[in-house]
Protein backbone atom coordinates (compact mmCIF):
# COMPACT_ATOMS: atom_id res chain seq x y z
CA MET A 1 1.52 0.50 13.93
CA LEU A 2 2.94 -1.28 10.92
CA THR A 3 5.14 -4.32 11.54
CA LEU A 4 8.76 -4.77 10.50
CA LYS A 5 7.64 -7.68 8.33
CA GLN A 6 5.18 -5.43 6.46
CA LEU A 7 7.92 -2.88 5.82
CA ARG A 8 10.86 -5.16 5.04
CA ASP A 9 9.33 -8.07 3.11
CA ASN A 10 8.24 -5.81 0.24
CA LYS A 11 9.76 -2.38 0.71
CA GLU A 12 8.75 -1.02 -2.71
CA GLU A 13 5.14 -2.07 -2.17
CA ALA A 14 5.11 -0.37 1.25
CA ILE A 15 6.46 2.86 -0.29
CA ARG A 16 3.85 2.72 -3.06
CA ARG A 17 0.94 2.18 -0.68
CA LEU A 18 1.99 4.91 1.74
CA ALA A 19 2.40 7.35 -1.16
CA LYS A 20 -1.39 7.14 -1.59
CA LYS A 21 -1.62 8.86 1.82
CA GLY A 22 0.79 11.53 0.66
CA VAL A 23 3.72 10.12 2.64
CA ASP A 24 7.25 9.78 1.24
CA ALA A 25 8.13 6.68 3.22
CA ALA A 26 11.39 5.80 1.44
CA PRO A 27 13.80 7.66 3.77
CA ILE A 28 11.99 6.46 6.90
CA ILE A 29 11.95 2.84 5.75
CA ALA A 30 15.65 3.10 4.83
CA ARG A 31 16.39 4.31 8.36
CA ILE A 32 14.21 1.50 9.80
CA GLU A 33 16.19 -1.08 7.81
CA GLU A 34 19.47 0.43 9.00
CA LEU A 35 18.38 0.37 12.64
CA ASP A 36 16.95 -3.14 12.37
CA ASP A 37 20.20 -4.43 10.87
CA LYS A 38 22.17 -2.70 13.61
CA ARG A 39 19.89 -4.16 16.29
CA LYS A 40 20.37 -7.66 14.89
CA ALA A 41 24.17 -7.22 14.73
CA LEU A 42 24.27 -5.97 18.32
CA GLN A 43 22.13 -8.90 19.45
CA ALA A 44 24.42 -11.38 17.66
CA GLU A 45 27.48 -9.82 19.28
CA LEU A 46 25.76 -9.81 22.67
CA ASP A 47 24.79 -13.48 22.36
CA ASN A 48 28.38 -14.35 21.46
CA CYS A 49 29.75 -12.27 24.33
CA LEU A 50 27.38 -13.93 26.84
CA ALA A 51 28.34 -17.38 25.54
CA GLN A 52 32.04 -16.58 26.03
CA GLN A 53 31.28 -15.18 29.47
CA ASN A 54 29.44 -18.34 30.55
CA ALA A 55 32.17 -20.60 29.16
CA ALA A 56 34.91 -18.62 30.92
CA ALA A 57 32.97 -18.60 34.19
CA LYS A 58 32.74 -22.41 34.12
CA GLN A 59 36.50 -22.67 33.55
CA ILE A 60 37.24 -20.67 36.70
CA GLY A 61 35.94 -23.41 38.99
CA ALA A 62 37.87 -26.11 37.15
CA LEU A 63 41.10 -24.11 37.33
CA MET A 64 40.63 -23.43 41.04
CA GLY A 65 40.05 -27.16 41.60
CA LYS A 66 43.38 -27.90 39.98
CA GLY A 67 45.10 -25.28 42.12
CA LEU A 68 45.87 -23.05 39.14
CA LYS A 69 45.12 -19.80 40.93
CA GLU A 70 46.92 -17.47 38.53
CA GLU A 71 45.11 -18.94 35.54
CA ALA A 72 41.80 -18.74 37.46
CA GLU A 73 42.44 -15.09 38.31
CA ALA A 74 43.16 -14.34 34.65
CA LYS A 75 39.87 -15.96 33.72
CA LYS A 76 38.10 -13.80 36.31
CA GLN A 77 39.53 -10.72 34.67
CA GLU A 78 38.40 -12.05 31.28
CA VAL A 79 34.86 -12.61 32.63
CA ALA A 80 34.81 -9.09 34.10
CA GLY A 81 35.77 -7.65 30.72
CA LEU A 82 33.14 -9.72 28.93
CA LYS A 83 30.52 -8.68 31.48
CA SER A 84 31.38 -5.01 30.98
CA ARG A 85 31.15 -5.43 27.21
CA SER A 86 27.82 -7.28 27.56
CA ASN A 87 26.37 -4.38 29.56
CA GLU A 88 27.54 -1.92 26.91
CA LEU A 89 25.94 -4.01 24.18
CA LYS A 90 22.67 -4.29 26.12
CA GLU A 91 22.47 -0.52 26.59
CA GLU A 92 23.27 0.13 22.93
CA SER A 93 20.77 -2.49 21.79
CA GLU A 94 18.03 -0.94 23.94
CA ARG A 95 18.82 2.52 22.57
CA VAL A 96 18.64 1.27 18.99
CA ALA A 97 15.39 -0.61 19.71
CA VAL A 98 13.80 2.60 21.05
CA GLU A 99 14.91 4.60 18.01
CA LEU A 100 13.65 1.82 15.72
CA GLN A 101 10.24 1.93 17.43
CA ASN A 102 10.17 5.73 17.18
CA GLN A 103 10.78 5.53 13.44
CA ILE A 104 8.10 2.87 12.84
CA VAL A 105 5.41 4.86 14.65
CA LEU A 106 6.00 7.79 12.29
CA LEU A 107 4.38 5.83 9.47
CA PRO A 108 0.59 5.77 9.01
CA ASN A 109 -1.42 2.67 8.19
CA PHE A 110 -1.47 1.27 4.67
CA PRO A 111 -4.60 2.35 2.77
CA ALA A 112 -6.66 -0.49 1.31
CA GLU A 113 -6.37 -1.03 -2.44
CA ILE A 114 -9.88 0.35 -3.09
CA VAL A 115 -9.03 3.68 -1.43
CA PRO A 116 -9.25 6.39 -4.14
CA GLU A 117 -6.23 8.42 -5.13
CA GLY A 118 -6.40 12.03 -3.97
CA ARG A 119 -5.10 14.64 -1.57
CA THR A 120 -8.16 16.53 -0.25
CA ALA A 121 -11.86 16.07 0.51
CA GLU A 122 -12.60 17.15 -3.04
CA ASP A 123 -11.18 13.80 -4.18
CA ASN A 124 -13.48 11.66 -2.02
CA VAL A 125 -15.89 9.40 -3.92
CA VAL A 126 -19.65 9.50 -3.31
CA VAL A 127 -20.79 5.87 -3.18
CA LYS A 128 -24.43 6.57 -2.27
CA LEU A 129 -26.72 9.60 -2.33
CA VAL A 130 -30.21 9.74 -0.81
CA GLU A 131 -31.86 13.03 -1.74
CA ASN A 132 -34.59 12.98 0.88
CA TYR A 133 -34.97 16.76 0.84
CA THR A 134 -37.73 18.57 2.74
CA GLU A 135 -39.65 21.73 1.98
CA ILE A 136 -38.83 24.48 4.40
CA PRO A 137 -40.04 28.08 4.66
CA GLY A 138 -38.64 30.56 2.16
CA GLU A 139 -36.96 32.50 4.96
CA ALA A 140 -35.30 29.40 6.40
CA LEU A 141 -33.03 30.06 9.37
CA PRO A 142 -29.69 28.38 10.13
CA HIS A 143 -29.66 26.33 13.31
CA TRP A 144 -27.81 28.95 15.41
CA GLU A 145 -30.66 31.40 14.80
CA LEU A 146 -33.30 28.72 15.41
CA ALA A 147 -31.54 27.85 18.67
CA LYS A 148 -31.83 31.45 19.80
CA LYS A 149 -35.41 31.86 18.56
CA TYR A 150 -36.67 28.82 20.48
CA ASP A 151 -34.24 29.23 23.41
CA ILE A 152 -32.89 25.68 23.17
CA ILE A 153 -29.12 26.27 22.79
CA ASP A 154 -27.21 29.20 24.26
CA PHE A 155 -23.84 29.74 22.61
CA ASP A 156 -23.10 33.01 24.41
CA LEU A 157 -23.68 31.45 27.81
CA GLY A 158 -21.20 28.71 26.91
CA VAL A 159 -18.62 31.38 26.07
CA LYS A 160 -19.22 33.01 29.45
CA ILE A 161 -18.84 29.74 31.37
CA THR A 162 -15.94 28.26 29.41
CA GLY A 163 -15.26 29.69 25.96
CA ALA A 164 -16.22 29.34 22.32
CA GLY A 165 -17.11 25.82 21.27
CA PHE A 166 -18.84 24.87 24.55
CA PRO A 167 -22.60 25.44 24.04
CA VAL A 168 -25.24 25.18 26.77
CA TYR A 169 -28.32 23.12 25.81
CA LYS A 170 -31.55 24.25 27.46
CA GLY A 171 -35.08 22.94 27.87
CA LYS A 172 -36.19 21.00 24.82
CA GLY A 173 -32.69 21.38 23.37
CA ALA A 174 -31.25 19.43 26.32
CA ARG A 175 -34.08 16.90 26.08
CA LEU A 176 -33.37 16.43 22.35
CA GLN A 177 -29.71 15.71 23.15
CA ARG A 178 -30.66 13.08 25.68
CA ALA A 179 -33.23 11.60 23.31
CA LEU A 180 -30.71 11.22 20.50
CA ILE A 181 -28.13 9.61 22.78
CA ASN A 182 -30.67 7.07 24.09
CA TYR A 183 -32.05 6.38 20.61
CA PHE A 184 -28.61 5.78 19.13
CA LEU A 185 -27.59 3.49 22.01
CA ASP A 186 -30.83 1.51 21.68
CA CYS A 187 -30.25 1.10 17.94
CA ASN A 188 -26.75 -0.19 18.64
CA THR A 189 -27.66 -2.60 21.43
CA ARG A 190 -30.47 -4.03 19.28
CA ALA A 191 -27.80 -4.70 16.64
CA GLY A 192 -25.78 -6.78 19.10
CA TYR A 193 -23.40 -4.19 20.54
CA GLN A 194 -22.78 -4.39 24.29
CA GLU A 195 -23.14 -1.01 25.97
CA VAL A 196 -20.34 0.16 28.27
CA GLU A 197 -19.75 3.41 30.12
CA PRO A 198 -15.99 4.06 29.94
CA PRO A 199 -13.84 6.77 31.57
CA ILE A 200 -13.65 10.03 29.63
CA MET A 201 -10.00 10.53 30.60
CA VAL A 202 -7.28 8.15 29.40
CA ASN A 203 -3.59 7.70 30.05
CA GLU A 204 -0.80 8.08 27.53
CA ALA A 205 -0.62 4.35 26.83
CA SER A 206 -4.27 4.38 25.77
CA GLY A 207 -3.71 7.36 23.49
CA PHE A 208 -0.77 5.55 21.89
CA GLY A 209 -2.72 2.32 21.54
CA THR A 210 -5.38 3.78 19.23
CA GLY A 211 -3.02 6.12 17.39
CA GLN A 212 -3.96 9.53 18.83
CA LEU A 213 -0.47 9.78 20.32
CA PRO A 214 1.99 10.88 19.14
CA ASP A 215 -0.01 11.95 16.04
CA LYS A 216 -2.69 14.22 17.56
CA GLU A 217 -1.45 15.40 20.95
CA GLY A 218 -1.99 19.01 19.89
CA GLN A 219 -5.70 18.33 19.39
CA MET A 220 -6.26 16.72 22.79
CA TYR A 221 -6.91 18.39 26.13
CA HIS A 222 -4.13 17.31 28.49
CA ALA A 223 -4.34 17.22 32.30
CA THR A 224 -0.62 17.68 32.74
CA ALA A 225 -0.43 17.06 36.50
CA ASP A 226 -1.66 13.48 36.05
CA GLY A 227 -0.69 12.85 32.44
CA PHE A 228 -4.30 12.12 31.48
CA TYR A 229 -6.04 13.15 28.25
CA LEU A 230 -9.73 13.99 27.78
CA VAL A 231 -11.06 11.60 25.16
CA PRO A 232 -11.50 12.92 21.60
CA THR A 233 -13.81 9.95 20.94
CA ALA A 234 -15.12 6.92 22.82
CA GLU A 235 -13.07 4.79 20.41
CA VAL A 236 -10.03 5.41 22.62
CA PRO A 237 -11.25 4.01 25.97
CA ILE A 238 -13.37 1.27 24.35
CA THR A 239 -10.62 -0.12 22.15
CA ASN A 240 -8.12 0.05 25.02
CA ILE A 241 -10.30 -2.36 26.98
CA PHE A 242 -8.45 -4.94 24.87
CA ARG A 243 -4.91 -3.60 25.28
CA ASP A 244 -2.54 -6.49 26.16
CA VAL A 245 -5.42 -8.98 25.79
CA ILE A 246 -5.41 -12.35 24.00
CA LEU A 247 -8.90 -13.37 22.89
CA GLU A 248 -10.08 -16.79 21.85
CA GLN A 249 -11.01 -17.02 18.18
CA SER A 250 -14.49 -18.15 19.24
CA GLU A 251 -15.00 -14.80 21.02
CA LEU A 252 -14.72 -12.84 17.75
CA PRO A 253 -16.27 -10.55 16.76
CA VAL A 254 -16.51 -8.42 19.89
CA LYS A 255 -19.03 -5.57 19.47
CA ILE A 256 -19.20 -2.65 21.92
CA THR A 257 -21.01 0.70 21.99
CA ALA A 258 -20.69 3.68 24.31
CA TYR A 259 -21.76 7.27 24.73
CA THR A 260 -19.23 9.85 25.88
CA PRO A 261 -18.77 13.57 25.70
CA CYS A 262 -15.80 14.21 23.40
CA PHE A 263 -13.18 16.94 23.60
CA ARG A 264 -11.05 18.38 20.79
CA ARG A 265 -8.89 21.47 21.08
CA GLU A 266 -8.87 22.24 17.35
CA ALA A 267 -11.93 24.06 16.12
CA GLY A 268 -10.83 25.25 12.68
CA SER A 269 -11.06 28.72 11.20
CA TYR A 270 -13.69 31.37 11.70
CA GLY A 271 -16.71 31.73 9.43
CA LYS A 272 -19.94 29.95 8.55
CA ASP A 273 -18.25 26.52 8.35
CA VAL A 274 -17.61 26.55 12.11
CA ARG A 275 -20.58 28.59 13.32
CA GLY A 276 -23.02 27.20 15.84
CA LEU A 277 -22.81 23.42 16.14
CA ASN A 278 -20.74 22.91 13.00
CA ARG A 279 -17.53 22.48 14.98
CA LEU A 280 -17.16 22.35 18.75
CA HIS A 281 -14.53 21.77 21.42
CA GLN A 282 -16.96 19.63 23.46
CA PHE A 283 -19.67 17.50 21.90
CA ASP A 284 -21.65 14.31 22.48
CA LYS A 285 -21.14 11.17 20.42
CA VAL A 286 -22.20 7.54 20.46
CA GLU A 287 -19.59 5.12 19.15
CA ILE A 288 -19.48 1.53 17.94
CA VAL A 289 -16.31 -0.59 18.02
CA GLN A 290 -15.58 -4.09 16.77
CA VAL A 291 -12.67 -6.46 17.28
CA ALA A 292 -12.81 -8.86 14.33
CA HIS A 293 -11.02 -11.81 12.79
CA PRO A 294 -8.74 -10.58 9.97
CA ASP A 295 -10.58 -12.76 7.44
CA ASN A 296 -13.90 -11.12 8.32
CA SER A 297 -13.04 -7.47 9.06
CA TYR A 298 -14.19 -6.05 5.71
CA GLU A 299 -17.46 -7.92 5.99
CA ALA A 300 -17.77 -6.39 9.46
CA LEU A 301 -17.02 -2.94 7.98
CA ASP A 302 -19.81 -3.33 5.42
CA ALA A 303 -22.21 -4.34 8.20
CA MET A 304 -21.22 -1.32 10.30
CA VAL A 305 -21.75 1.02 7.34
CA ALA A 306 -25.20 -0.51 6.74
CA HIS A 307 -26.05 -0.15 10.44
CA VAL A 308 -25.06 3.52 10.58
CA GLU A 309 -26.98 4.13 7.36
CA SER A 310 -30.12 2.64 8.91
CA ILE A 311 -29.91 5.13 11.79
CA VAL A 312 -29.31 8.14 9.54
CA ALA A 313 -32.14 7.06 7.21
CA SER A 314 -34.54 6.66 10.17
CA LEU A 315 -34.14 10.37 10.95
CA GLY A 316 -35.50 11.31 7.52
CA LEU A 317 -32.49 13.44 6.55
CA PRO A 318 -30.89 13.70 3.09
CA TYR A 319 -27.54 11.92 3.29
CA ARG A 320 -24.63 10.66 1.28
CA ILE A 321 -21.88 8.12 1.91
CA LEU A 322 -18.33 8.84 0.77
CA ARG A 323 -15.28 6.62 0.44
CA LEU A 324 -12.37 8.77 1.57
CA CYS A 325 -9.34 9.24 -0.65
CA GLY A 326 -5.85 8.51 0.63
CA GLY A 327 -5.01 12.11 1.44
CA ASP A 328 -8.19 12.68 3.49
CA MET A 329 -7.94 9.55 5.62
CA SER A 330 -6.81 9.37 9.22
CA PHE A 331 -3.34 8.25 10.27
CA THR A 332 -4.65 4.90 11.53
CA SER A 333 -7.30 3.97 8.96
CA ALA A 334 -7.02 1.46 6.12
CA LEU A 335 -10.45 2.31 4.70
CA THR A 336 -12.98 4.94 5.82
CA TYR A 337 -16.54 5.76 4.84
CA ASP A 338 -17.93 9.14 5.88
CA PHE A 339 -21.63 9.95 6.29
CA GLU A 340 -22.82 13.47 5.58
CA VAL A 341 -26.29 14.95 6.00
CA TYR A 342 -27.53 17.91 4.01
CA SER A 343 -28.30 21.20 5.74
CA GLU A 344 -31.21 22.85 3.92
CA ALA A 345 -30.64 26.25 5.52
CA GLN A 346 -26.85 26.34 5.14
CA LYS A 347 -26.95 24.61 1.72
CA ARG A 348 -24.02 22.39 2.58
CA TRP A 349 -23.15 18.85 3.59
CA LEU A 350 -22.26 18.16 7.23
CA GLU A 351 -20.20 15.16 8.31
CA VAL A 352 -21.92 13.14 11.05
CA SER A 353 -20.06 9.81 11.04
CA SER A 354 -16.86 8.08 10.01
CA VAL A 355 -16.73 4.28 9.86
CA SER A 356 -13.26 2.77 9.53
CA ASN A 357 -11.33 -0.47 9.38
CA PHE A 358 -7.87 -0.19 10.94
CA GLU A 359 -6.90 -3.77 10.07
CA SER A 360 -4.05 -4.78 12.44
CA PHE A 361 -2.60 -1.27 12.83
CA GLN A 362 -4.15 -0.48 16.22
CA ALA A 363 -3.95 -4.10 17.37
CA ASN A 364 -0.17 -4.10 16.91
CA ARG A 365 0.14 -0.99 19.08
CA LEU A 366 -2.29 -2.43 21.62
CA LYS A 367 -0.77 -5.95 21.57
CA LEU A 368 -4.32 -7.18 20.93
CA ARG A 369 -4.26 -10.78 19.72
CA TYR A 370 -6.41 -13.87 19.38
CA ARG A 371 -5.58 -17.59 19.44
CA ASP A 372 -6.22 -19.28 16.12
CA ASP A 373 -7.21 -22.92 15.54
CA ASN A 374 -3.57 -23.97 15.96
CA ARG A 375 -3.36 -22.12 19.31
CA LYS A 376 -0.98 -19.58 17.81
CA THR A 377 -1.52 -15.91 18.65
CA GLN A 378 -2.31 -13.56 15.76
CA LEU A 379 -3.06 -9.84 15.57
CA ALA A 380 -6.79 -9.07 15.49
CA HIS A 381 -8.40 -6.35 13.38
CA THR A 382 -10.17 -3.34 14.93
CA LEU A 383 -12.95 -1.17 13.51
CA ASN A 384 -14.96 1.77 14.77
CA GLY A 385 -17.71 4.13 13.72
CA SER A 386 -19.73 7.10 14.93
CA SER A 387 -23.34 6.20 15.42
CA LEU A 388 -23.70 9.08 15.64
CA ALA A 389 -22.01 12.39 16.46
CA LEU A 390 -24.74 14.70 17.75
CA PRO A 391 -23.90 18.33 16.91
CA ARG A 392 -24.34 18.29 13.14
CA ILE A 393 -27.24 15.84 13.39
CA VAL A 394 -28.96 18.35 15.65
CA ALA A 395 -28.06 21.19 13.26
CA ALA A 396 -29.59 19.32 10.31
CA LEU A 397 -32.67 18.23 12.28
CA LEU A 398 -33.40 21.80 13.37
CA GLU A 399 -32.86 23.31 9.92
CA ASN A 400 -34.50 20.62 7.79
CA ASN A 401 -37.56 20.24 10.01
CA GLN A 402 -38.38 23.92 10.58
CA THR A 403 -41.96 24.88 9.75
CA GLU A 404 -44.17 27.94 10.24
CA GLU A 405 -45.44 26.34 13.48
CA GLY A 406 -42.06 25.32 14.88
CA ILE A 407 -39.53 22.52 14.51
CA ARG A 408 -40.94 19.08 13.82
CA ILE A 409 -39.41 16.10 15.64
CA PRO A 410 -38.84 12.90 13.57
CA ASP A 411 -41.28 10.13 14.44
CA VAL A 412 -38.59 7.75 15.73
CA LEU A 413 -37.50 10.31 18.34
CA ILE A 414 -40.91 11.24 19.75
CA PRO A 415 -40.99 8.30 22.22
CA TYR A 416 -37.62 9.57 23.51
CA THR A 417 -38.33 13.33 23.56
CA GLY A 418 -41.90 13.15 24.79
CA PHE A 419 -42.86 15.96 22.37
CA ASP A 420 -43.38 16.19 18.63
CA PHE A 421 -42.67 19.90 18.10
CA ILE A 422 -40.37 22.59 19.41
CA LYS A 423 -42.54 25.70 19.43
């Protein structure tokens, strides 16, 4: 959530920066200014009313002591009127404060200055390309056909049990899932991330804290009886560990990793782009999160990008790194890098990771602060990244490593799978 200071100190700059995300912020900021001015005026009137009330209340005792009962009774009536007016002002001030908050949360985070201009994924900038292509058979199969051929993923059974977008992994397919999860977690813990196992359901306050609510409630599975939401990413429960927390500056950066199943109601349109594992309602993902000092958060972002790249590169897949344009970024992000791997059979790039710096946007919603050298509390910066999302990694591994004998397992995964081929 942006702060009033960010919006009011340089309104034209705020409008310019938000325009890069395709948002016309001028009318919203104008309304925010109007409400903030009204809130301040109400508070000033309330303070004055309370001061008069206190002064009049003190006079009542003095008048009674002098035996001036009529004057004292008049003062009592004056105090009653002031008290009634104070209550009205409090109620009005609270109503305006709520509306002010509701207007502020409509605005997305400012994009960083290096974010490219653009409206769609076509405007994203490729910052690195590693063309580590493999030779595959002439009659190469897409992963959904390989899954059926080797009986490792059953999409039809998932439809029977639940519905489309809920595959059942079987045999070596299930073992490959577990291997990837353990490998990714080991890579992250070796890099200094503490592993946690968080809940996979969160409350509304947690969804608000990381920016999923009220922006993405339509994409989240909601257990209405309890008001809980199934997590769309481990970012939500991990980052909310620090909701309403004040850290010491010496504790920064905090680095955490977790595996969770993830749930997203949206699954896109029909067709090859969403076939098989390309887009699911339930999928596995390993996440990394950092809470960083504002002065160091972009250095932390670069380190996270390099870390995710090392994992993708270790799998031997062709990949590219993109800097997302303003129109393709998330509501909460200030700067995002996406990782995509190339699918040899589908002849297309598949997104497997997003690594983002949210600056203070989430921290302001979370009330996540740290104490600086002067013992003053300041908003921290938060970052997160997928390391990695499994479905499209599995799709690319199956397609890019298919041979006449079967599907070859990358060397780094063999100690985790216990086999080197799916035959």
